């Protein structure tokens, strides 16, 4: 047993060493790491889907079927399966609060918060916690999707890899984003949508240096998913080809965009209101997902299409296989079921439910258009496909992602014009109703920045302590001029700190300040380092934002500044030069 434990520990140390060698500091090594991360995220995404399917089959075979045989319900066609969401909710509540000790459901907002403020600090336990809890929620019938969980798992893997490689904060941030992009790309078999979802939503950052590792990770994740599941089945969400009936028809989709924008706001508001109501309930917190699951199960007796991720229902809508009543009831029911599932603390995403609502709304709108305009328009299934992207864009504020997702899912260039019209209109309407998208609102509630496009400088989040260099030479205040010159001759520092007897900073000596004395009087004048020291030095400590320090360097025309332990402890602990700031800026860009 001891030998086995030592073997595992040795293997772990060897793996970490190899990963650190792989990490390096060059851009090429970052791309390699992003590719490895993308492949891992793709495997996790595929494994997560298989786990959901296996759990759903196990619940049906080992739980529901024996109960139905032993205690048949008096209502014809009814099944004990309506209790599954409640049982799954209670199990998830116990696991989340007692085993994994995760304070709340983790979703896209958690990854956004990390990339914007924490830079690669997602705890690794979030990966197994999300995998287990979200799989149970969805497999037991909770109204949620797998997309947000795989983003959390991909981001968590990226954060762990960045910490393992001891990478700089900016590179850890990129790996978190790249892991999320690979997971979304693998979930839908849509690498372009994965890349732009990360740029639009997770990062809010469009720099070319950001694009390269994110793109490579998405490619790797999609390739692994296709290799493990087959190109035809990868993503598990295939829609029929789209056909545009008339050249003028894209104009008609503007009305669908208005409807989608309003439904997107309704969806977000319902989830938020449900969360507030469940938070006001007394009793054990871990029991709340069970209560929400019970309500979802009862709703599922009347509207079966609201259970689970809803992909079969969305595909039926895009195939023009549902009638008016089913479309209308399922659209409303899915909003209510998702609000109950997620608002009560169930784990899962809102991406897939949005697609279901969009499919139902688009199908309804398409049938109304056909009734008004006759047979010169596309089928209601075509409008259902466009509705999926329009509702998603309105709720998540990701218009480019929505356009590319529909293009990749349908494989048809004809969908571009209709989806662009619907997405643009839906986004405009949703913005008029609420300034922030659903994920941005969640980030704001968590105390993070809710910007949609990054407007802050590239050095945001980086501190002086992240990039400063060591202090190699110092001078006591009593050092004579020859002693000062001797240090200046051998030192590669731009400034040499002058210290008081107790070790605190008095000022700094620069060669430029000493040169006038040498020119006029030579090196025999009776001065000491205290006389030569420049005492008006800008205060910079470890926690000073690097952007602030860069401004101080520029305003005072300093080539280098001493870094103090703190504003109270004035001992110099490092040096910050212009060169280090420039290198940090290049790495962040």
Protein backbone atom coordinates (compact mmCIF):
# COMPACT_ATOMS: atom_id res chain seq x y z
CA UNK A 1 0.00 0.00 0.00
CA UNK A 2 2.79 2.39 0.97
CA UNK A 3 4.73 1.49 -2.18
CA UNK A 4 1.64 2.18 -4.30
CA UNK A 5 1.13 5.57 -2.64
CA UNK A 6 4.79 6.46 -3.18
CA UNK A 7 4.46 5.41 -6.82
CA UNK A 8 1.43 7.64 -7.34
CA UNK A 9 3.18 10.55 -5.65
CA UNK A 10 6.25 10.05 -7.82
CA UNK A 11 4.11 9.90 -10.97
CA UNK A 12 2.35 13.12 -9.89
CA UNK A 13 5.67 14.91 -9.34
CA UNK A 14 6.93 13.70 -12.72
CA UNK A 15 3.76 14.92 -14.44
CA UNK A 16 4.01 18.35 -12.85
CA UNK A 17 7.65 18.62 -13.89
CA UNK A 18 6.84 17.70 -17.49
CA UNK A 19 3.95 20.15 -17.56
CA UNK A 20 6.17 22.95 -16.28
CA UNK A 21 8.70 22.19 -19.00
CA UNK A 22 5.88 22.28 -21.51
CA UNK A 23 4.55 25.59 -20.18
CA UNK A 24 7.62 27.67 -20.82
CA UNK A 25 7.28 31.40 -21.45
CA UNK A 26 7.10 31.67 -25.23
CA UNK A 27 3.96 32.21 -27.27
CA UNK A 28 4.54 28.88 -29.02
CA UNK A 29 4.53 26.99 -25.71
CA UNK A 30 1.30 28.73 -24.73
CA UNK A 31 -0.33 27.49 -27.92
CA UNK A 32 0.84 23.94 -27.18
CA UNK A 33 -0.60 24.12 -23.68
CA UNK A 34 -3.86 25.54 -25.07
CA UNK A 35 -4.11 22.61 -27.48
CA UNK A 36 -3.55 20.08 -24.70
CA UNK A 37 -6.13 21.85 -22.56
CA UNK A 38 -8.62 21.90 -25.44
CA UNK A 39 -8.26 18.16 -25.93
CA UNK A 40 -8.83 17.57 -22.22
CA UNK A 41 -11.89 19.82 -22.19
CA UNK A 42 -13.27 17.96 -25.22
CA UNK A 43 -12.88 14.65 -23.40
CA UNK A 44 -14.63 16.05 -20.33
CA UNK A 45 -17.49 17.37 -22.47
CA UNK A 46 -17.98 14.00 -24.17
CA UNK A 47 -17.71 12.14 -20.88
CA UNK A 48 -20.24 14.46 -19.29
CA UNK A 49 -22.80 13.72 -22.02
CA UNK A 50 -22.26 9.98 -21.64
CA UNK A 51 -22.62 10.26 -17.87
CA UNK A 52 -25.96 12.04 -18.26
CA UNK A 53 -27.23 9.35 -20.62
CA UNK A 54 -26.02 6.55 -18.35
CA UNK A 55 -27.58 8.09 -15.24
CA UNK A 56 -30.90 8.70 -17.01
CA UNK A 57 -31.00 5.05 -18.13
CA UNK A 58 -30.08 3.85 -14.64
CA UNK A 59 -32.76 5.99 -12.98
CA UNK A 60 -35.36 4.65 -15.40
CA UNK A 61 -34.34 0.98 -15.18
CA UNK A 62 -33.48 0.65 -11.49
CA UNK A 63 -35.84 3.18 -9.89
CA UNK A 64 -38.85 4.17 -11.98
CA UNK A 65 -39.64 0.85 -13.69
CA UNK A 66 -39.62 -1.24 -10.46
CA UNK A 67 -41.86 1.33 -8.76
CA UNK A 68 -44.29 1.39 -11.67
CA UNK A 69 -44.53 -2.40 -11.57
CA UNK A 70 -44.84 -2.67 -7.81
CA UNK A 71 -47.09 0.35 -7.16
CA UNK A 72 -48.89 1.35 -10.36
CA UNK A 73 -50.49 4.77 -10.19
CA UNK A 74 -54.28 4.94 -10.60
CA UNK A 75 -54.04 7.50 -13.41
CA UNK A 76 -53.72 5.88 -16.82
CA UNK A 77 -50.27 6.41 -18.36
CA UNK A 78 -48.88 8.08 -15.22
CA UNK A 79 -45.45 7.08 -13.89
CA UNK A 80 -43.52 7.50 -10.67
CA UNK A 81 -40.93 9.24 -12.81
CA UNK A 82 -42.51 12.56 -11.86
CA UNK A 83 -40.70 12.26 -8.50
CA UNK A 84 -37.28 11.84 -10.10
CA UNK A 85 -36.52 15.61 -10.35
CA UNK A 86 -37.32 15.98 -6.65
CA UNK A 87 -35.10 13.03 -5.67
CA UNK A 88 -32.32 14.32 -7.89
CA UNK A 89 -32.67 17.79 -6.38
CA UNK A 90 -32.34 16.51 -2.82
CA UNK A 91 -29.31 14.41 -3.76
CA UNK A 92 -27.67 17.39 -5.47
CA UNK A 93 -28.36 19.60 -2.45
CA UNK A 94 -26.73 17.13 -0.08
CA UNK A 95 -23.71 16.60 -2.33
CA UNK A 96 -23.21 20.32 -3.00
CA UNK A 97 -23.41 21.50 0.59
CA UNK A 98 -22.08 18.51 2.51
CA UNK A 99 -19.56 16.78 0.23
CA UNK A 100 -18.22 19.35 -2.25
CA UNK A 101 -18.94 22.36 -0.01
CA UNK A 102 -19.73 24.58 -2.95
CA UNK A 103 -21.82 27.56 -1.83
CA UNK A 104 -23.99 27.84 -4.94
CA UNK A 105 -24.64 26.57 -8.45
CA UNK A 106 -21.64 27.25 -10.64
CA UNK A 107 -22.18 28.53 -14.15
CA UNK A 108 -20.78 30.75 -16.87
CA UNK A 109 -20.80 33.74 -14.50
CA UNK A 110 -18.28 32.00 -12.21
CA UNK A 111 -15.85 31.63 -15.12
CA UNK A 112 -16.47 35.21 -16.26
CA UNK A 113 -15.75 36.48 -12.74
CA UNK A 114 -12.49 34.54 -12.65
CA UNK A 115 -11.23 35.83 -16.00
CA UNK A 116 -12.10 39.42 -15.08
CA UNK A 117 -10.93 39.66 -11.47
CA UNK A 118 -9.14 36.53 -10.20
CA UNK A 119 -7.16 35.31 -13.20
CA UNK A 120 -7.01 31.56 -12.91
CA UNK A 121 -8.03 30.89 -9.31
CA UNK A 122 -11.03 28.60 -9.89
CA UNK A 123 -10.61 25.79 -7.32
CA UNK A 124 -10.11 22.38 -8.92
CA UNK A 125 -12.88 20.88 -6.78
CA UNK A 126 -15.35 22.84 -8.92
CA UNK A 127 -14.67 20.41 -11.77
CA UNK A 128 -15.87 17.19 -10.08
CA UNK A 129 -18.58 19.10 -8.20
CA UNK A 130 -20.03 20.46 -11.42
CA UNK A 131 -19.68 17.14 -13.25
CA UNK A 132 -21.55 15.15 -10.60
CA UNK A 133 -24.21 17.66 -9.54
CA UNK A 134 -25.13 18.84 -13.05
CA UNK A 135 -25.24 15.28 -14.41
CA UNK A 136 -27.66 14.25 -11.64
CA UNK A 137 -29.84 17.33 -12.13
CA UNK A 138 -30.21 16.86 -15.90
CA UNK A 139 -30.48 13.05 -15.84
CA UNK A 140 -33.23 13.15 -13.23
CA UNK A 141 -35.33 15.48 -15.36
CA UNK A 142 -34.35 18.93 -14.10
CA UNK A 143 -34.83 21.62 -16.75
CA UNK A 144 -31.24 22.60 -17.46
CA UNK A 145 -28.55 22.21 -20.10
CA UNK A 146 -25.03 20.83 -20.14
CA UNK A 147 -23.33 23.85 -21.77
CA UNK A 148 -22.74 26.00 -18.67
CA UNK A 149 -21.40 23.04 -16.66
CA UNK A 150 -18.88 22.13 -19.36
CA UNK A 151 -17.74 25.78 -19.47
CA UNK A 152 -17.09 25.63 -15.72
CA UNK A 153 -15.25 22.32 -16.05
CA UNK A 154 -13.15 23.55 -18.99
CA UNK A 155 -12.36 26.80 -17.17
CA UNK A 156 -11.50 24.89 -14.00
CA UNK A 157 -9.09 22.66 -15.92
CA UNK A 158 -7.50 25.74 -17.46
CA UNK A 159 -7.06 27.39 -14.06
CA UNK A 160 -5.52 24.23 -12.59
CA UNK A 161 -3.14 23.87 -15.52
CA UNK A 162 -2.08 27.52 -15.26
CA UNK A 163 -1.33 27.16 -11.56
CA UNK A 164 0.50 23.87 -12.10
CA UNK A 165 2.72 25.51 -14.71
CA UNK A 166 3.20 28.56 -12.47
CA UNK A 167 2.19 30.84 -15.33
CA UNK A 168 1.76 34.60 -15.11
CA UNK A 169 -1.77 35.83 -14.27
CA UNK A 170 -2.49 36.98 -17.83
CA UNK A 171 -1.67 33.53 -19.19
CA UNK A 172 -3.74 31.79 -16.53
CA UNK A 173 -6.64 34.01 -17.57
CA UNK A 174 -6.21 32.92 -21.18
CA UNK A 175 -6.17 29.24 -20.24
CA UNK A 176 -9.41 29.58 -18.27
CA UNK A 177 -11.04 31.18 -21.32
CA UNK A 178 -9.54 28.62 -23.68
CA UNK A 179 -10.88 25.74 -21.59
CA UNK A 180 -14.36 27.23 -21.72
CA UNK A 181 -14.16 27.74 -25.48
CA UNK A 182 -13.10 24.16 -26.08
CA UNK A 183 -15.95 22.85 -23.93
CA UNK A 184 -18.63 24.86 -25.76
CA UNK A 185 -17.13 23.94 -29.13
CA UNK A 186 -17.21 20.24 -28.24
CA UNK A 187 -20.73 20.44 -26.78
CA UNK A 188 -22.21 21.70 -30.07
CA UNK A 189 -19.61 20.45 -32.54
CA UNK A 190 -19.26 24.15 -33.37
CA UNK A 191 -15.70 25.50 -32.95
CA UNK A 192 -16.44 28.99 -34.29
CA UNK A 193 -19.33 29.44 -31.88
CA UNK A 194 -17.10 28.27 -29.02
CA UNK A 195 -14.42 30.81 -29.87
CA UNK A 196 -16.76 33.76 -30.20
CA UNK A 197 -18.80 32.86 -27.13
CA UNK A 198 -15.57 33.14 -25.18
CA UNK A 199 -14.63 36.45 -26.78
CA UNK A 200 -18.10 37.99 -26.50
CA UNK A 201 -19.24 36.70 -23.11
CA UNK A 202 -16.51 35.14 -20.98
CA UNK A 203 -13.67 37.56 -21.72
CA UNK A 204 -15.29 40.53 -23.43
CA UNK A 205 -11.90 40.88 -25.12
CA UNK A 206 -11.19 40.94 -28.86
CA UNK A 207 -7.39 41.26 -28.98
CA UNK A 208 -5.56 39.07 -31.49
CA UNK A 209 -3.27 37.68 -28.80
CA UNK A 210 -6.38 36.42 -27.01
CA UNK A 211 -7.80 34.85 -30.16
CA UNK A 212 -4.90 32.48 -30.97
CA UNK A 213 -4.90 30.18 -27.88
CA UNK A 214 -8.70 30.26 -27.61
CA UNK A 215 -9.06 29.26 -31.25
CA UNK A 216 -6.55 26.42 -31.00
CA UNK A 217 -8.23 25.06 -27.86
CA UNK A 218 -11.62 25.10 -29.59
CA UNK A 219 -10.21 23.19 -32.55
CA UNK A 220 -8.65 20.57 -30.27
CA UNK A 221 -11.82 20.16 -28.23
CA UNK A 222 -13.98 19.72 -31.32
CA UNK A 223 -11.53 17.26 -32.88
CA UNK A 224 -11.47 15.11 -29.75
CA UNK A 225 -15.26 15.15 -29.53
CA UNK A 226 -15.55 14.05 -33.16
CA UNK A 227 -12.97 11.34 -32.62
CA UNK A 228 -14.74 9.91 -29.58
CA UNK A 229 -18.33 10.24 -30.77
CA UNK A 230 -18.04 10.26 -34.55
CA UNK A 231 -18.38 13.31 -36.77
CA UNK A 232 -22.07 12.69 -37.46
CA UNK A 233 -23.07 12.37 -33.77
CA UNK A 234 -20.66 14.88 -32.24
CA UNK A 235 -22.47 17.57 -30.31
CA UNK A 236 -25.72 15.52 -30.11
CA UNK A 237 -27.71 18.43 -31.51
CA UNK A 238 -28.34 18.18 -35.25
CA UNK A 239 -30.97 20.29 -36.96
CA UNK A 240 -32.38 19.95 -40.50
CA UNK A 241 -30.84 21.99 -43.34
CA UNK A 242 -32.23 25.50 -43.64
CA UNK A 243 -33.95 26.71 -46.83
CA UNK A 244 -34.81 30.34 -47.58
CA UNK A 245 -38.03 30.47 -49.62
CA UNK A 246 -37.91 34.04 -51.03
CA UNK A 247 -35.32 36.78 -51.44
CA UNK A 248 -37.50 39.22 -49.45
CA UNK A 249 -38.18 36.85 -46.58
CA UNK A 250 -35.29 37.99 -44.29
CA UNK A 251 -37.26 41.17 -43.59
CA UNK A 252 -40.03 39.07 -42.04
CA UNK A 253 -37.58 37.74 -39.44
CA UNK A 254 -37.40 41.18 -37.82
CA UNK A 255 -40.74 40.43 -36.17
CA UNK A 256 -39.35 37.17 -34.83
CA UNK A 257 -36.46 39.17 -33.37
CA UNK A 258 -38.88 41.42 -31.47
CA UNK A 259 -40.65 38.38 -30.03
CA UNK A 260 -37.35 36.69 -29.18
CA UNK A 261 -35.99 39.78 -27.40
CA UNK A 262 -39.11 40.01 -25.23
CA UNK A 263 -39.02 36.28 -24.41
CA UNK A 264 -35.32 36.49 -23.54
CA UNK A 265 -36.04 39.19 -20.96
CA UNK A 266 -38.98 37.16 -19.62
CA UNK A 267 -36.76 34.08 -19.28
CA UNK A 268 -34.03 35.95 -17.37
CA UNK A 269 -36.56 37.68 -15.13
CA UNK A 270 -38.30 34.38 -14.30
CA UNK A 271 -35.06 32.71 -13.21
CA UNK A 272 -34.08 35.72 -11.09
CA UNK A 273 -37.51 35.93 -9.46
CA UNK A 274 -37.48 32.21 -8.67
CA UNK A 275 -34.05 32.56 -7.09
CA UNK A 276 -35.30 35.37 -4.86
CA UNK A 277 -38.36 33.42 -3.80
CA UNK A 278 -36.41 30.28 -2.93
CA UNK A 279 -33.82 32.35 -1.03
CA UNK A 280 -36.66 33.64 1.18
CA UNK A 281 -37.72 30.12 2.15
CA UNK A 282 -36.78 28.81 5.56
CA UNK A 283 -35.50 25.35 6.36
CA UNK A 284 -32.38 23.54 5.16
CA UNK A 285 -30.77 25.04 2.08
CA UNK A 286 -29.95 21.61 0.66
CA UNK A 287 -33.67 20.78 0.55
CA UNK A 288 -34.58 23.63 -1.82
CA UNK A 289 -33.44 21.90 -5.04
CA UNK A 290 -35.73 19.02 -4.08
CA UNK A 291 -38.73 21.37 -3.74
CA UNK A 292 -37.96 22.91 -7.09
CA UNK A 293 -37.59 19.44 -8.59
CA UNK A 294 -40.96 18.37 -7.19
CA UNK A 295 -42.65 21.33 -8.87
CA UNK A 296 -40.87 20.54 -12.15
CA UNK A 297 -41.96 16.89 -11.96
CA UNK A 298 -45.60 17.86 -11.44
CA UNK A 299 -45.38 20.30 -14.35
CA UNK A 300 -43.85 17.53 -16.45
CA UNK A 301 -46.98 15.41 -15.96
CA UNK A 302 -48.90 17.99 -17.98
CA UNK A 303 -46.08 19.14 -20.30
CA UNK A 304 -43.50 16.35 -20.72
CA UNK A 305 -41.38 18.47 -23.04
CA UNK A 306 -40.18 20.67 -20.19
CA UNK A 307 -38.12 17.89 -18.56
CA UNK A 308 -34.37 17.52 -19.07
CA UNK A 309 -32.34 19.57 -21.52
CA UNK A 310 -35.19 19.61 -24.04
CA UNK A 311 -33.13 18.83 -27.13
CA UNK A 312 -35.68 16.37 -28.59
CA UNK A 313 -38.42 18.98 -28.30
CA UNK A 314 -36.27 21.70 -29.90
CA UNK A 315 -35.42 19.38 -32.78
CA UNK A 316 -39.09 18.48 -33.21
CA UNK A 317 -39.88 22.18 -33.45
CA UNK A 318 -37.18 22.73 -36.06
CA UNK A 319 -38.57 19.79 -38.04
CA UNK A 320 -42.06 21.33 -38.19
CA UNK A 321 -43.45 18.37 -36.23
CA UNK A 322 -45.38 20.24 -33.50
CA UNK A 323 -48.72 21.97 -33.57
CA UNK A 324 -49.82 25.37 -32.26
CA UNK A 325 -50.89 24.26 -28.76
CA UNK A 326 -47.78 22.19 -28.09
CA UNK A 327 -45.49 25.01 -29.24
CA UNK A 328 -47.18 27.61 -27.06
CA UNK A 329 -47.54 25.45 -23.94
CA UNK A 330 -43.97 24.11 -24.15
CA UNK A 331 -42.49 27.61 -24.58
CA UNK A 332 -44.17 28.89 -21.42
CA UNK A 333 -43.66 25.63 -19.54
CA UNK A 334 -39.94 25.52 -20.31
CA UNK A 335 -39.44 29.01 -18.90
CA UNK A 336 -41.28 28.05 -15.70
CA UNK A 337 -39.49 24.69 -15.36
CA UNK A 338 -36.05 26.24 -15.87
CA UNK A 339 -36.80 28.98 -13.35
CA UNK A 340 -37.85 26.35 -10.79
CA UNK A 341 -34.81 24.15 -11.45
CA UNK A 342 -32.10 26.80 -11.44
CA UNK A 343 -33.80 29.18 -9.03
CA UNK A 344 -34.08 26.47 -6.36
CA UNK A 345 -30.39 25.61 -6.59
CA UNK A 346 -30.37 22.83 -9.17
CA UNK A 347 -27.17 22.55 -11.18
CA UNK A 348 -27.05 22.99 -14.92
CA UNK A 349 -27.07 25.64 -17.59
CA UNK A 350 -29.64 27.91 -19.20
CA UNK A 351 -28.16 27.65 -22.70
CA UNK A 352 -30.19 24.62 -23.81
CA UNK A 353 -33.48 25.84 -22.28
CA UNK A 354 -33.07 29.10 -24.21
CA UNK A 355 -32.75 27.11 -27.42
CA UNK A 356 -35.94 25.21 -26.60
CA UNK A 357 -37.86 28.43 -25.89
CA UNK A 358 -36.51 29.95 -29.10
CA UNK A 359 -37.47 26.90 -31.13
CA UNK A 360 -41.04 26.95 -29.80
CA UNK A 361 -41.41 30.71 -30.28
CA UNK A 362 -39.93 30.55 -33.78
CA UNK A 363 -42.27 27.71 -34.72
CA UNK A 364 -45.28 29.70 -33.52
CA UNK A 365 -44.15 32.80 -35.41
CA UNK A 366 -43.53 30.76 -38.56
CA UNK A 367 -47.04 29.31 -38.48
CA UNK A 368 -48.50 32.79 -38.04
CA UNK A 369 -46.45 34.10 -40.98
CA UNK A 370 -47.58 31.21 -43.17
CA UNK A 371 -51.19 31.93 -42.24
CA UNK A 372 -50.84 35.60 -43.15
CA UNK A 373 -48.56 35.44 -46.21
CA UNK A 374 -49.44 32.07 -47.68
CA UNK A 375 -47.01 29.55 -49.12
CA UNK A 376 -44.30 31.96 -50.27
CA UNK A 377 -42.39 31.62 -47.03
CA UNK A 378 -40.26 28.92 -45.39
CA UNK A 379 -41.73 26.28 -43.09
CA UNK A 380 -42.31 26.95 -39.41
CA UNK A 381 -39.35 24.65 -38.73
CA UNK A 382 -37.04 27.13 -40.46
CA UNK A 383 -38.35 29.92 -38.23
CA UNK A 384 -37.87 27.66 -35.21
CA UNK A 385 -34.17 27.29 -36.03
CA UNK A 386 -33.70 31.04 -36.34
CA UNK A 387 -35.71 31.57 -33.15
CA UNK A 388 -33.20 29.47 -31.20
CA UNK A 389 -30.35 31.80 -32.07
CA UNK A 390 -32.42 34.97 -31.58
CA UNK A 391 -33.54 34.12 -28.03
CA UNK A 392 -30.01 33.04 -27.10
CA UNK A 393 -28.54 36.30 -28.40
CA UNK A 394 -31.14 38.39 -26.60
CA UNK A 395 -30.59 36.69 -23.24
CA UNK A 396 -26.81 36.20 -23.29
CA UNK A 397 -25.86 39.22 -25.46
CA UNK A 398 -23.79 37.11 -27.83
CA UNK A 399 -25.01 38.05 -31.33
CA UNK A 400 -21.99 36.81 -33.28
CA UNK A 401 -22.01 33.52 -31.36
CA UNK A 402 -25.68 33.01 -32.19
CA UNK A 403 -25.16 33.67 -35.90
CA UNK A 404 -22.19 31.32 -36.12
CA UNK A 405 -23.86 28.62 -34.02
CA UNK A 406 -26.85 28.46 -36.39
CA UNK A 407 -24.55 28.48 -39.40
CA UNK A 408 -22.49 25.59 -38.00
CA UNK A 409 -25.52 23.60 -36.88
CA UNK A 410 -27.40 23.90 -40.18
CA UNK A 411 -24.36 23.86 -42.47
CA UNK A 412 -26.30 26.24 -44.70
CA UNK A 413 -25.16 29.67 -45.83
CA UNK A 414 -28.80 30.60 -46.51
CA UNK A 415 -29.45 30.93 -42.78
CA UNK A 416 -27.00 33.84 -42.46
CA UNK A 417 -29.32 36.67 -43.59
CA UNK A 418 -32.39 35.61 -41.58
CA UNK A 419 -30.42 34.92 -38.41
CA UNK A 420 -28.56 38.24 -38.68
CA UNK A 421 -31.85 40.15 -38.96
CA UNK A 422 -33.47 38.25 -36.08
CA UNK A 423 -30.41 38.42 -33.81
CA UNK A 424 -29.85 42.14 -34.40
CA UNK A 425 -33.50 42.91 -33.62
CA UNK A 426 -33.63 40.60 -30.59
CA UNK A 427 -30.47 42.09 -29.11
CA UNK A 428 -31.75 45.63 -29.58
CA UNK A 429 -35.12 44.83 -27.96
CA UNK A 430 -33.51 42.94 -25.07
CA UNK A 431 -31.08 45.81 -24.44
CA UNK A 432 -33.95 48.29 -24.28
CA UNK A 433 -35.62 46.09 -21.68
CA UNK A 434 -32.42 45.48 -19.64
CA UNK A 435 -28.93 46.96 -20.05
CA UNK A 436 -27.14 43.70 -19.14
CA UNK A 437 -27.34 40.13 -20.38
CA UNK A 438 -28.13 37.29 -18.00
CA UNK A 439 -24.53 36.26 -17.40
CA UNK A 440 -23.39 39.87 -16.99
CA UNK A 441 -26.15 40.43 -14.42
CA UNK A 442 -24.95 37.37 -12.50
CA UNK A 443 -21.35 38.64 -12.54
CA UNK A 444 -22.54 42.01 -11.24
CA UNK A 445 -24.45 40.28 -8.43
CA UNK A 446 -21.26 38.40 -7.53
CA UNK A 447 -19.43 41.73 -7.19
CA UNK A 448 -17.51 41.60 -10.48
CA UNK A 449 -17.33 43.93 -13.49
CA UNK A 450 -20.31 43.47 -15.83
CA UNK A 451 -18.82 44.96 -19.00
CA UNK A 452 -19.72 43.32 -22.32
CA UNK A 453 -16.58 44.49 -24.13
CA UNK A 454 -13.41 45.06 -22.16
CA UNK A 455 -12.64 48.75 -21.84
CA UNK A 456 -10.06 48.47 -19.09
CA UNK A 457 -6.33 48.47 -19.80
CA UNK A 458 -4.57 45.23 -20.59
CA UNK A 459 -2.65 45.38 -17.28
CA UNK A 460 -5.84 45.25 -15.21
CA UNK A 461 -5.49 42.75 -12.38
CA UNK A 462 -1.66 42.62 -12.52
CA UNK A 463 0.18 43.99 -9.49
CA UNK A 464 3.74 45.20 -9.04
CA UNK A 465 4.52 42.10 -7.02
CA UNK A 466 3.74 39.91 -10.05
CA UNK A 467 6.55 41.35 -12.21
CA UNK A 468 9.10 43.11 -9.96
CA UNK A 469 12.73 42.06 -9.84
CA UNK A 470 15.04 41.56 -6.83
CA UNK A 471 17.11 44.21 -5.06
CA UNK A 472 20.74 43.26 -5.59
CA UNK A 473 22.54 46.32 -4.19
CA UNK A 474 21.72 48.83 -1.45
CA UNK A 475 23.68 51.56 0.35
CA UNK A 476 23.69 52.63 3.98
CA UNK A 477 22.94 56.31 4.55
CA UNK A 478 26.49 56.81 5.86
CA UNK A 479 28.26 55.42 2.76
CA UNK A 480 30.99 57.75 1.45
CA UNK A 481 31.15 58.98 -2.14
CA UNK A 482 33.86 56.43 -3.16
CA UNK A 483 31.70 53.66 -1.70
CA UNK A 484 28.69 54.96 -3.61
CA UNK A 485 30.68 55.05 -6.84
CA UNK A 486 32.00 51.54 -6.27
CA UNK A 487 28.43 50.19 -6.04
CA UNK A 488 27.27 52.17 -9.07
CA UNK A 489 30.16 50.76 -11.16
CA UNK A 490 29.20 47.13 -10.55
CA UNK A 491 25.42 47.39 -10.25
CA UNK A 492 23.06 46.87 -13.17
CA UNK A 493 20.31 48.71 -11.29
CA UNK A 494 19.10 52.10 -12.51
CA UNK A 495 18.56 53.16 -8.88
CA UNK A 496 20.29 52.04 -5.67
CA UNK A 497 18.16 52.26 -2.50
CA UNK A 498 19.69 54.19 0.40
CA UNK A 499 18.67 52.73 3.75
CA UNK A 500 18.35 54.14 7.23
CA UNK A 501 20.02 52.21 10.07
CA UNK A 502 16.80 50.24 10.76
CA UNK A 503 16.56 49.17 7.10
CA UNK A 504 13.78 51.48 5.92
CA UNK A 505 14.08 53.41 2.67
CA UNK A 506 15.54 56.92 2.91
CA UNK A 507 15.76 57.54 -0.84
CA UNK A 508 17.60 56.37 -3.93
CA UNK A 509 20.87 57.24 -5.62
CA UNK A 510 21.05 57.48 -9.40
CA UNK A 511 24.20 57.88 -11.47
CA UNK A 512 22.66 60.92 -13.12
CA UNK A 513 22.42 62.62 -9.72
CA UNK A 514 26.06 61.87 -8.83
CA UNK A 515 27.58 62.94 -12.17
CA UNK A 516 27.41 66.75 -11.47
CA UNK A 517 29.40 66.35 -8.26
CA UNK A 518 32.13 64.42 -10.07
CA UNK A 519 32.38 66.97 -12.86
CA UNK A 520 32.82 69.91 -10.49
CA UNK A 521 34.64 68.60 -7.43
CA UNK A 522 35.85 65.05 -8.11
CA UNK A 523 35.32 62.06 -5.88
CA UNK A 524 37.06 63.47 -2.78
CA UNK A 525 34.28 65.78 -1.61
CA UNK A 526 32.99 65.01 1.91
CA UNK A 527 29.49 63.80 1.11
CA UNK A 528 27.70 60.59 2.03
CA UNK A 529 24.90 58.64 0.44
CA UNK A 530 22.30 60.47 2.54
CA UNK A 531 23.37 63.76 0.90
CA UNK A 532 23.09 62.29 -2.60
CA UNK A 533 19.82 60.43 -2.11
CA UNK A 534 16.65 61.56 -3.86
CA UNK A 535 14.01 61.30 -1.15
CA UNK A 536 10.95 62.29 -3.19
CA UNK A 537 10.42 58.79 -4.58
CA UNK A 538 6.88 57.68 -5.61
CA UNK A 539 5.44 55.15 -3.18
CA UNK A 540 5.08 51.71 -4.80
CA UNK A 541 4.28 48.55 -2.81
CA UNK A 542 3.73 44.91 -3.76
CA UNK A 543 -0.03 45.32 -4.17
CA UNK A 544 0.11 48.50 -6.25
CA UNK A 545 -1.64 47.89 -9.59
CA UNK A 546 0.95 47.67 -12.35
CA UNK A 547 -0.99 50.18 -14.44
CA UNK A 548 -0.66 52.72 -11.59
CA UNK A 549 3.07 52.05 -11.23
CA UNK A 550 3.54 52.43 -14.99
CA UNK A 551 1.94 55.86 -14.82
CA UNK A 552 4.25 56.86 -11.94
CA UNK A 553 7.29 55.74 -13.94
CA UNK A 554 6.22 57.86 -16.87
CA UNK A 555 5.17 60.99 -14.99
CA UNK A 556 8.41 61.26 -13.02
CA UNK A 557 10.66 60.07 -15.86
CA UNK A 558 11.95 57.26 -13.66
CA UNK A 559 13.71 54.30 -15.23
CA UNK A 560 13.23 52.20 -12.09
CA UNK A 561 11.41 52.46 -8.76
CA UNK A 562 12.00 50.67 -5.45
CA UNK A 563 9.13 48.45 -4.28
CA UNK A 564 8.36 48.60 -0.55
CA UNK A 565 6.90 45.84 1.59
CA UNK A 566 3.89 48.02 2.47
CA UNK A 567 2.97 51.63 3.11
CA UNK A 568 3.81 51.11 6.81
CA UNK A 569 6.85 48.84 6.33
CA UNK A 570 9.22 50.86 4.13
CA UNK A 571 11.81 48.14 3.63
CA UNK A 572 12.63 47.71 -0.10
CA UNK A 573 11.66 44.22 -1.29
CA UNK A 574 12.11 44.62 -5.03
CA UNK A 575 12.66 46.89 -8.00
CA UNK A 576 10.29 47.74 -10.86
CA UNK A 577 11.78 48.94 -14.15
CA UNK A 578 10.24 50.32 -17.34
CA UNK A 579 11.46 47.20 -19.13
CA UNK A 580 9.47 44.93 -16.81
CA UNK A 581 6.32 46.99 -17.39
CA UNK A 582 6.77 46.81 -21.16
CA UNK A 583 7.28 43.03 -21.05
CA UNK A 584 4.16 42.61 -18.92
CA UNK A 585 2.20 44.76 -21.38
CA UNK A 586 3.42 42.66 -24.32
CA UNK A 587 2.49 39.44 -22.54
CA UNK A 588 -0.98 40.78 -21.67
CA UNK A 589 -1.55 41.90 -25.25
